[in-house]
Every structure is written in structure tokens, then in C-alpha cells.
Amino acid sequence: MVLFLEKTINSIMQIILFSLIPFIWWLITARKDISFLQWIGLKPVSDGKKSKIAIWTIGISAAFILVSVVMLYLIRNVETATSVFRGVGMKAIPAIIVYAVFNTSLPEEILFRGFLLKRFSNWFGFVMGNVIQSILFGLLHGVMFFSLVGTVQTILIILFTGGIAWCMGVINEKKANGSIIPSWCIHAISNVFSGIFSAFMLF
């Protein structure tokens, strides 16, 4: 219960923190034209595309899980965000779900695919905008491990996470009319598996 409450509080703080700059930007530039949630892509996928989006989401989720397994193996001896679940087993599942859905994936999707990708795409076009956001996403997840795992592993982490970020940008903008719901689902599913790997000490 303590772990669950901790992750719930952390989630609220993360969502506020990661949404702050996008919200201020929206207030200044777009509040008269569109709601904030629509502007960042927190909107449903249109009915006619739901089955196709579901297939894309499942496929990219499977790829993301495989990438996550590789990453978890590369950093198996390093303290990470999921280390708090290590060895806790079934009792950690509620906290893992909150962590995966609201503490990491939602804030990061709001910032990277909801804000940065859309802004970069407006400025440089979708192709370049998607490349930029995926590089930034990869760097965020790789650089923090540089001093702990070394250059080769860090580069692999950046490439793996950046590649998935690129795929998530494509599915959101080219398949789901700018909704970040697909990438949120993909991201959350992967993080649930990461938490489970730690909780049951699968490495």
C-alpha cells in the first residue's frame, strides 16, 4: 500500500511537471482556438481507425517489450526506476500499473509526442520533427546510464529507445490523426513488463 501511494503521488507530480511547459505554451499561443487536451493529442482515435490502430499498437508494443528486455539485461546491475519493485512479487502489481500508466508513460507522451513532436513538425515538417523528438527521447533514456554502463551500452539504449520513439511518432501522427493514445498504450504496456521483470526478479 505504501508503494502504491508513493507511486500515485509521484504520478501526479510528474504529470504536472511534464505538462507545465506545454500548458504555458498553449495558453500563450492556442487557447482561443483549441482545448489543451485536443492540442496535445489527448483525444480518442476515430471509430473507423480503431481496429487498424489496435493492430499497430499491439505490433509496436511487442517490439517495445523486446527492446525493453534487451535494455533490462544491459542494465541488470544498475539501480533504475523499477528497482523499487525488485523482489516484491504480486504485491507490487498495483504500484507497477500506476507507475507504468501515469508516472512515466503519460507524462513522457505529453511532453515528447504531445508537445515536442507537434511543435517540431510545425516548424520543420513531420519527418524532421519526428527524428528530433526520437533523438531527444533516446538521449533522455540513454545518457543517464552513461557513467554506469559505459559507451557501447549507452549508445544501444539511445538507439533502441529512439527507434521506438520514432515508431510511436509515426503511429500517432500518420495513423491516429495526432492522438497520443496509441503511444501512451504502447509505452505503458512496456513499462508494466519492465516493472514485472523487476518484481519477479526475472534477471
C-alpha atoms as a PDB file:
ATOM      1  CA  MET A   1       0.000   0.000   0.000  1.00  0.00           C
ATOM      2  CA  VAL A   2       2.838   2.399   0.831  1.00  0.00           C
ATOM      3  CA  LEU A   3       4.450   1.729  -2.565  1.00  0.00           C
ATOM      4  CA  PHE A   4       1.107   2.244  -4.311  1.00  0.00           C
ATOM      5  CA  LEU A   5       0.505   5.584  -2.569  1.00  0.00           C
ATOM      6  CA  GLU A   6       4.062   6.695  -3.267  1.00  0.00           C
ATOM      7  CA  LYS A   7       3.703   5.970  -6.988  1.00  0.00           C
ATOM      8  CA  THR A   8       0.298   7.685  -7.080  1.00  0.00           C
ATOM      9  CA  ILE A   9       1.695  10.881  -5.549  1.00  0.00           C
ATOM     10  CA  ASN A  10       4.758  10.723  -7.803  1.00  0.00           C
ATOM     11  CA  SER A  11       2.488  10.303 -10.823  1.00  0.00           C
ATOM     12  CA  ILE A  12       0.506  13.446 -10.030  1.00  0.00           C
ATOM     13  CA  MET A  13       3.721  15.418  -9.606  1.00  0.00           C
ATOM     14  CA  GLN A  14       5.215  14.034 -12.839  1.00  0.00           C
ATOM     15  CA  ILE A  15       2.110  14.810 -14.882  1.00  0.00           C
ATOM     16  CA  ILE A  16       2.044  18.380 -13.575  1.00  0.00           C
ATOM     17  CA  LEU A  17       5.789  18.849 -14.121  1.00  0.00           C
ATOM     18  CA  PHE A  18       5.865  17.452 -17.664  1.00  0.00           C
ATOM     19  CA  SER A  19       2.676  19.317 -18.633  1.00  0.00           C
ATOM     20  CA  LEU A  20       3.753  22.712 -17.304  1.00  0.00           C
ATOM     21  CA  ILE A  21       5.722  23.992 -20.313  1.00  0.00           C
ATOM     22  CA  PRO A  22       3.213  22.598 -22.851  1.00  0.00           C
ATOM     23  CA  PHE A  23       0.360  24.196 -20.892  1.00  0.00           C
ATOM     24  CA  ILE A  24       2.072  27.596 -20.737  1.00  0.00           C
ATOM     25  CA  TRP A  25       2.848  27.357 -24.477  1.00  0.00           C
ATOM     26  CA  TRP A  26      -0.796  26.504 -25.203  1.00  0.00           C
ATOM     27  CA  LEU A  27      -2.003  29.406 -23.024  1.00  0.00           C
ATOM     28  CA  ILE A  28       0.133  31.842 -24.976  1.00  0.00           C
ATOM     29  CA  THR A  29      -0.388  30.514 -28.494  1.00  0.00           C
ATOM     30  CA  ALA A  30      -3.525  28.419 -28.880  1.00  0.00           C
ATOM     31  CA  ARG A  31      -6.019  28.666 -26.005  1.00  0.00           C
ATOM     32  CA  LYS A  32      -8.511  30.666 -28.083  1.00  0.00           C
ATOM     33  CA  ASP A  33      -8.534  28.105 -30.879  1.00  0.00           C
ATOM     34  CA  ILE A  34      -8.454  24.652 -29.277  1.00  0.00           C
ATOM     35  CA  SER A  35      -8.686  22.953 -25.873  1.00  0.00           C
ATOM     36  CA  PHE A  36      -5.443  21.911 -24.191  1.00  0.00           C
ATOM     37  CA  LEU A  37      -6.212  18.188 -24.310  1.00  0.00           C
ATOM     38  CA  GLN A  38      -7.017  18.335 -28.035  1.00  0.00           C
ATOM     39  CA  TRP A  39      -3.908  20.434 -28.656  1.00  0.00           C
ATOM     40  CA  ILE A  40      -1.537  17.869 -27.100  1.00  0.00           C
ATOM     41  CA  GLY A  41      -3.389  14.921 -28.609  1.00  0.00           C
ATOM     42  CA  LEU A  42      -5.170  13.504 -25.571  1.00  0.00           C
ATOM     43  CA  LYS A  43      -8.171  12.700 -27.718  1.00  0.00           C
ATOM     44  CA  PRO A  44      -9.822   9.453 -28.844  1.00  0.00           C
ATOM     45  CA  VAL A  45      -8.913   7.728 -32.083  1.00  0.00           C
ATOM     46  CA  SER A  46     -11.724   7.995 -34.651  1.00  0.00           C
ATOM     47  CA  ASP A  47     -14.042   4.959 -34.748  1.00  0.00           C
ATOM     48  CA  GLY A  48     -13.175   3.986 -38.319  1.00  0.00           C
ATOM     49  CA  LYS A  49      -9.488   3.592 -37.442  1.00  0.00           C
ATOM     50  CA  LYS A  50      -9.692   1.823 -34.092  1.00  0.00           C
ATOM     51  CA  SER A  51      -9.112  -1.728 -35.355  1.00  0.00           C
ATOM     52  CA  LYS A  52      -6.134  -0.711 -37.516  1.00  0.00           C
ATOM     53  CA  ILE A  53      -4.666   1.344 -34.682  1.00  0.00           C
ATOM     54  CA  ALA A  54      -5.123  -1.610 -32.315  1.00  0.00           C
ATOM     55  CA  ILE A  55      -3.091  -3.824 -34.665  1.00  0.00           C
ATOM     56  CA  TRP A  56      -0.343  -1.195 -34.937  1.00  0.00           C
ATOM     57  CA  THR A  57      -0.369  -0.719 -31.164  1.00  0.00           C
ATOM     58  CA  ILE A  58      -0.040  -4.438 -30.471  1.00  0.00           C
ATOM     59  CA  GLY A  59       2.777  -4.817 -33.011  1.00  0.00           C
ATOM     60  CA  ILE A  60       4.812  -1.869 -31.740  1.00  0.00           C
ATOM     61  CA  SER A  61       4.125  -2.894 -28.126  1.00  0.00           C
ATOM     62  CA  ALA A  62       5.608  -6.321 -28.857  1.00  0.00           C
ATOM     63  CA  ALA A  63       8.689  -4.646 -30.372  1.00  0.00           C
ATOM     64  CA  PHE A  64       8.955  -2.274 -27.414  1.00  0.00           C
ATOM     65  CA  ILE A  65       8.751  -5.182 -24.950  1.00  0.00           C
ATOM     66  CA  LEU A  66      11.567  -6.986 -26.790  1.00  0.00           C
ATOM     67  CA  VAL A  67      13.633  -3.798 -26.710  1.00  0.00           C
ATOM     68  CA  SER A  68      12.856  -3.413 -23.017  1.00  0.00           C
ATOM     69  CA  VAL A  69      14.049  -6.951 -22.290  1.00  0.00           C
ATOM     70  CA  VAL A  70      17.351  -6.187 -24.039  1.00  0.00           C
ATOM     71  CA  MET A  71      17.686  -2.900 -22.163  1.00  0.00           C
ATOM     72  CA  LEU A  72      16.867  -4.514 -18.830  1.00  0.00           C
ATOM     73  CA  TYR A  73      19.554  -7.104 -19.468  1.00  0.00           C
ATOM     74  CA  LEU A  74      22.098  -4.400 -20.363  1.00  0.00           C
ATOM     75  CA  ILE A  75      21.397  -2.513 -17.130  1.00  0.00           C
ATOM     76  CA  ARG A  76      20.580  -5.509 -14.924  1.00  0.00           C
ATOM     77  CA  ASN A  77      23.133  -4.486 -12.271  1.00  0.00           C
ATOM     78  CA  VAL A  78      22.133  -0.812 -12.245  1.00  0.00           C
ATOM     79  CA  GLU A  79      19.586   0.886  -9.996  1.00  0.00           C
ATOM     80  CA  THR A  80      16.652   2.078 -12.123  1.00  0.00           C
ATOM     81  CA  ALA A  81      13.140   3.433 -11.574  1.00  0.00           C
ATOM     82  CA  THR A  82      11.794  -0.131 -11.423  1.00  0.00           C
ATOM     83  CA  SER A  83      14.351  -1.283  -8.841  1.00  0.00           C
ATOM     84  CA  VAL A  84      11.924  -0.268  -6.108  1.00  0.00           C
ATOM     85  CA  PHE A  85       9.739  -3.218  -7.182  1.00  0.00           C
ATOM     86  CA  ARG A  86      12.591  -5.724  -7.085  1.00  0.00           C
ATOM     87  CA  GLY A  87      11.610  -8.977  -5.418  1.00  0.00           C
ATOM     88  CA  VAL A  88       8.235  -7.687  -4.181  1.00  0.00           C
ATOM     89  CA  GLY A  89       6.259 -10.073  -6.394  1.00  0.00           C
ATOM     90  CA  MET A  90       2.461  -9.916  -6.792  1.00  0.00           C
ATOM     91  CA  LYS A  91       2.088  -7.241  -4.112  1.00  0.00           C
ATOM     92  CA  ALA A  92       3.845  -4.781  -6.413  1.00  0.00           C
ATOM     93  CA  ILE A  93       1.362  -5.139  -9.306  1.00  0.00           C
ATOM     94  CA  PRO A  94      -0.978  -2.226  -8.360  1.00  0.00           C
ATOM     95  CA  ALA A  95       2.004   0.107  -7.865  1.00  0.00           C
ATOM     96  CA  ILE A  96       3.571  -1.111 -11.121  1.00  0.00           C
ATOM     97  CA  ILE A  97       0.386  -0.298 -13.048  1.00  0.00           C
ATOM     98  CA  VAL A  98       0.212   3.219 -11.581  1.00  0.00           C
ATOM     99  CA  TYR A  99       3.935   3.696 -12.238  1.00  0.00           C
ATOM    100  CA  ALA A 100       3.681   2.446 -15.831  1.00  0.00           C
ATOM    101  CA  VAL A 101       0.490   4.216 -16.869  1.00  0.00           C
ATOM    102  CA  PHE A 102       0.679   7.539 -15.012  1.00  0.00           C
ATOM    103  CA  ASN A 103       4.154   8.003 -13.518  1.00  0.00           C
ATOM    104  CA  THR A 104       6.192   7.503 -16.685  1.00  0.00           C
ATOM    105  CA  SER A 105       4.284   6.902 -19.917  1.00  0.00           C
ATOM    106  CA  LEU A 106       1.609   9.634 -19.686  1.00  0.00           C
ATOM    107  CA  PRO A 107       3.956  12.488 -18.687  1.00  0.00           C
ATOM    108  CA  GLU A 108       6.545  11.460 -21.287  1.00  0.00           C
ATOM    109  CA  GLU A 109       3.935  11.105 -24.033  1.00  0.00           C
ATOM    110  CA  ILE A 110       2.510  14.530 -23.218  1.00  0.00           C
ATOM    111  CA  LEU A 111       5.969  16.096 -23.450  1.00  0.00           C
ATOM    112  CA  PHE A 112       7.541  14.173 -26.336  1.00  0.00           C
ATOM    113  CA  ARG A 113       4.720  13.147 -28.675  1.00  0.00           C
ATOM    114  CA  GLY A 114       2.060  15.592 -27.489  1.00  0.00           C
ATOM    115  CA  PHE A 115       4.202  18.716 -27.325  1.00  0.00           C
ATOM    116  CA  LEU A 116       7.683  18.420 -28.846  1.00  0.00           C
ATOM    117  CA  LEU A 117       6.763  16.316 -31.887  1.00  0.00           C
ATOM    118  CA  LYS A 118       3.838  18.538 -32.792  1.00  0.00           C
ATOM    119  CA  ARG A 119       5.837  21.750 -32.362  1.00  0.00           C
ATOM    120  CA  PHE A 120       8.883  20.454 -34.253  1.00  0.00           C
ATOM    121  CA  SER A 121       6.616  19.148 -37.018  1.00  0.00           C
ATOM    122  CA  ASN A 122       5.026  22.590 -37.370  1.00  0.00           C
ATOM    123  CA  TRP A 123       8.452  24.174 -37.678  1.00  0.00           C
ATOM    124  CA  PHE A 124      10.433  21.624 -39.708  1.00  0.00           C
ATOM    125  CA  GLY A 125       7.879  19.205 -41.159  1.00  0.00           C
ATOM    126  CA  PHE A 126       6.857  15.820 -39.768  1.00  0.00           C
ATOM    127  CA  VAL A 127       9.878  13.804 -40.939  1.00  0.00           C
ATOM    128  CA  MET A 128      12.434  16.084 -39.298  1.00  0.00           C
ATOM    129  CA  GLY A 129      10.214  16.750 -36.284  1.00  0.00           C
ATOM    130  CA  ASN A 130       9.836  13.047 -35.634  1.00  0.00           C
ATOM    131  CA  VAL A 131      13.571  12.462 -35.934  1.00  0.00           C
ATOM    132  CA  ILE A 132      14.306  15.261 -33.465  1.00  0.00           C
ATOM    133  CA  GLN A 133      11.825  14.072 -30.841  1.00  0.00           C
ATOM    134  CA  SER A 134      13.036  10.482 -31.147  1.00  0.00           C
ATOM    135  CA  ILE A 135      16.674  11.550 -30.708  1.00  0.00           C
ATOM    136  CA  LEU A 136      15.753  13.591 -27.624  1.00  0.00           C
ATOM    137  CA  PHE A 137      13.737  10.671 -26.228  1.00  0.00           C
ATOM    138  CA  GLY A 138      16.627   8.281 -26.817  1.00  0.00           C
ATOM    139  CA  LEU A 139      19.112  10.663 -25.211  1.00  0.00           C
ATOM    140  CA  LEU A 140      16.885  11.103 -22.156  1.00  0.00           C
ATOM    141  CA  HIS A 141      16.830   7.353 -21.607  1.00  0.00           C
ATOM    142  CA  GLY A 142      20.473   6.699 -22.503  1.00  0.00           C
ATOM    143  CA  VAL A 143      22.635   9.488 -21.151  1.00  0.00           C
ATOM    144  CA  MET A 144      21.562   8.910 -17.543  1.00  0.00           C
ATOM    145  CA  PHE A 145      23.194   5.462 -17.695  1.00  0.00           C
ATOM    146  CA  PHE A 146      26.449   6.551 -19.371  1.00  0.00           C
ATOM    147  CA  SER A 147      28.569   6.612 -16.224  1.00  0.00           C
ATOM    148  CA  LEU A 148      27.097   3.297 -15.052  1.00  0.00           C
ATOM    149  CA  VAL A 149      27.106   1.039 -18.128  1.00  0.00           C
ATOM    150  CA  GLY A 150      29.684   2.548 -20.482  1.00  0.00           C
ATOM    151  CA  THR A 151      29.656   3.934 -24.011  1.00  0.00           C
ATOM    152  CA  VAL A 152      28.537   0.892 -26.040  1.00  0.00           C
ATOM    153  CA  GLN A 153      25.544   0.067 -23.833  1.00  0.00           C
ATOM    154  CA  THR A 154      24.565   3.736 -23.677  1.00  0.00           C
ATOM    155  CA  ILE A 155      24.571   4.005 -27.478  1.00  0.00           C
ATOM    156  CA  LEU A 156      22.458   0.845 -27.732  1.00  0.00           C
ATOM    157  CA  ILE A 157      19.944   2.217 -25.227  1.00  0.00           C
ATOM    158  CA  ILE A 158      19.727   5.508 -27.137  1.00  0.00           C
ATOM    159  CA  LEU A 159      19.232   3.696 -30.452  1.00  0.00           C
ATOM    160  CA  PHE A 160      16.645   1.259 -29.053  1.00  0.00           C
ATOM    161  CA  THR A 161      14.534   3.864 -27.261  1.00  0.00           C
ATOM    162  CA  GLY A 162      14.955   6.430 -30.033  1.00  0.00           C
ATOM    163  CA  GLY A 163      13.787   3.891 -32.619  1.00  0.00           C
ATOM    164  CA  ILE A 164      10.673   3.075 -30.626  1.00  0.00           C
ATOM    165  CA  ALA A 165      10.001   6.801 -30.129  1.00  0.00           C
ATOM    166  CA  TRP A 166      10.199   7.254 -33.916  1.00  0.00           C
ATOM    167  CA  CYS A 167       7.657   4.443 -34.437  1.00  0.00           C
ATOM    168  CA  MET A 168       5.340   5.928 -31.831  1.00  0.00           C
ATOM    169  CA  GLY A 169       5.523   9.308 -33.541  1.00  0.00           C
ATOM    170  CA  VAL A 170       4.519   7.707 -36.850  1.00  0.00           C
ATOM    171  CA  ILE A 171       1.564   5.805 -35.434  1.00  0.00           C
ATOM    172  CA  ASN A 172       0.265   8.880 -33.592  1.00  0.00           C
ATOM    173  CA  GLU A 173       0.563  11.408 -36.372  1.00  0.00           C
ATOM    174  CA  LYS A 174       0.142   9.302 -39.509  1.00  0.00           C
ATOM    175  CA  LYS A 175      -2.298   6.632 -38.325  1.00  0.00           C
ATOM    176  CA  ALA A 176      -4.233   8.143 -35.395  1.00  0.00           C
ATOM    177  CA  ASN A 177      -4.776  11.761 -36.549  1.00  0.00           C
ATOM    178  CA  GLY A 178      -2.464  13.191 -33.901  1.00  0.00           C
ATOM    179  CA  SER A 179      -3.845  11.268 -30.913  1.00  0.00           C
ATOM    180  CA  ILE A 180      -1.213  10.272 -28.352  1.00  0.00           C
ATOM    181  CA  ILE A 181      -3.420   7.475 -27.016  1.00  0.00           C
ATOM    182  CA  PRO A 182      -1.676   4.758 -29.112  1.00  0.00           C
ATOM    183  CA  SER A 183       1.817   5.725 -27.956  1.00  0.00           C
ATOM    184  CA  TRP A 184       0.583   6.074 -24.373  1.00  0.00           C
ATOM    185  CA  CYS A 185      -0.734   2.497 -24.527  1.00  0.00           C
ATOM    186  CA  ILE A 186       2.493   1.201 -26.119  1.00  0.00           C
ATOM    187  CA  HIS A 187       4.657   2.992 -23.580  1.00  0.00           C
ATOM    188  CA  ALA A 188       2.544   1.865 -20.611  1.00  0.00           C
ATOM    189  CA  ILE A 189       2.483  -1.791 -21.692  1.00  0.00           C
ATOM    190  CA  SER A 190       6.268  -1.816 -21.997  1.00  0.00           C
ATOM    191  CA  ASN A 191       6.727  -0.221 -18.592  1.00  0.00           C
ATOM    192  CA  VAL A 192       4.332  -2.719 -16.981  1.00  0.00           C
ATOM    193  CA  PHE A 193       6.525  -5.528 -18.297  1.00  0.00           C
ATOM    194  CA  SER A 194       9.656  -3.776 -17.032  1.00  0.00           C
ATOM    195  CA  GLY A 195       8.112  -3.487 -13.585  1.00  0.00           C
ATOM    196  CA  ILE A 196       7.058  -7.148 -13.611  1.00  0.00           C
ATOM    197  CA  PHE A 197      10.571  -8.234 -14.620  1.00  0.00           C
ATOM    198  CA  SER A 198      11.890  -6.390 -11.585  1.00  0.00           C
ATOM    199  CA  ALA A 199       9.153  -7.513  -9.181  1.00  0.00           C
ATOM    200  CA  PHE A 200       9.715 -11.173 -10.004  1.00  0.00           C
ATOM    201  CA  MET A 201      13.492 -10.820 -10.439  1.00  0.00           C
ATOM    202  CA  LEU A 202      13.479 -12.352 -13.924  1.00  0.00           C
ATOM    203  CA  PHE A 203      17.050 -11.127 -14.454  1.00  0.00           C
END
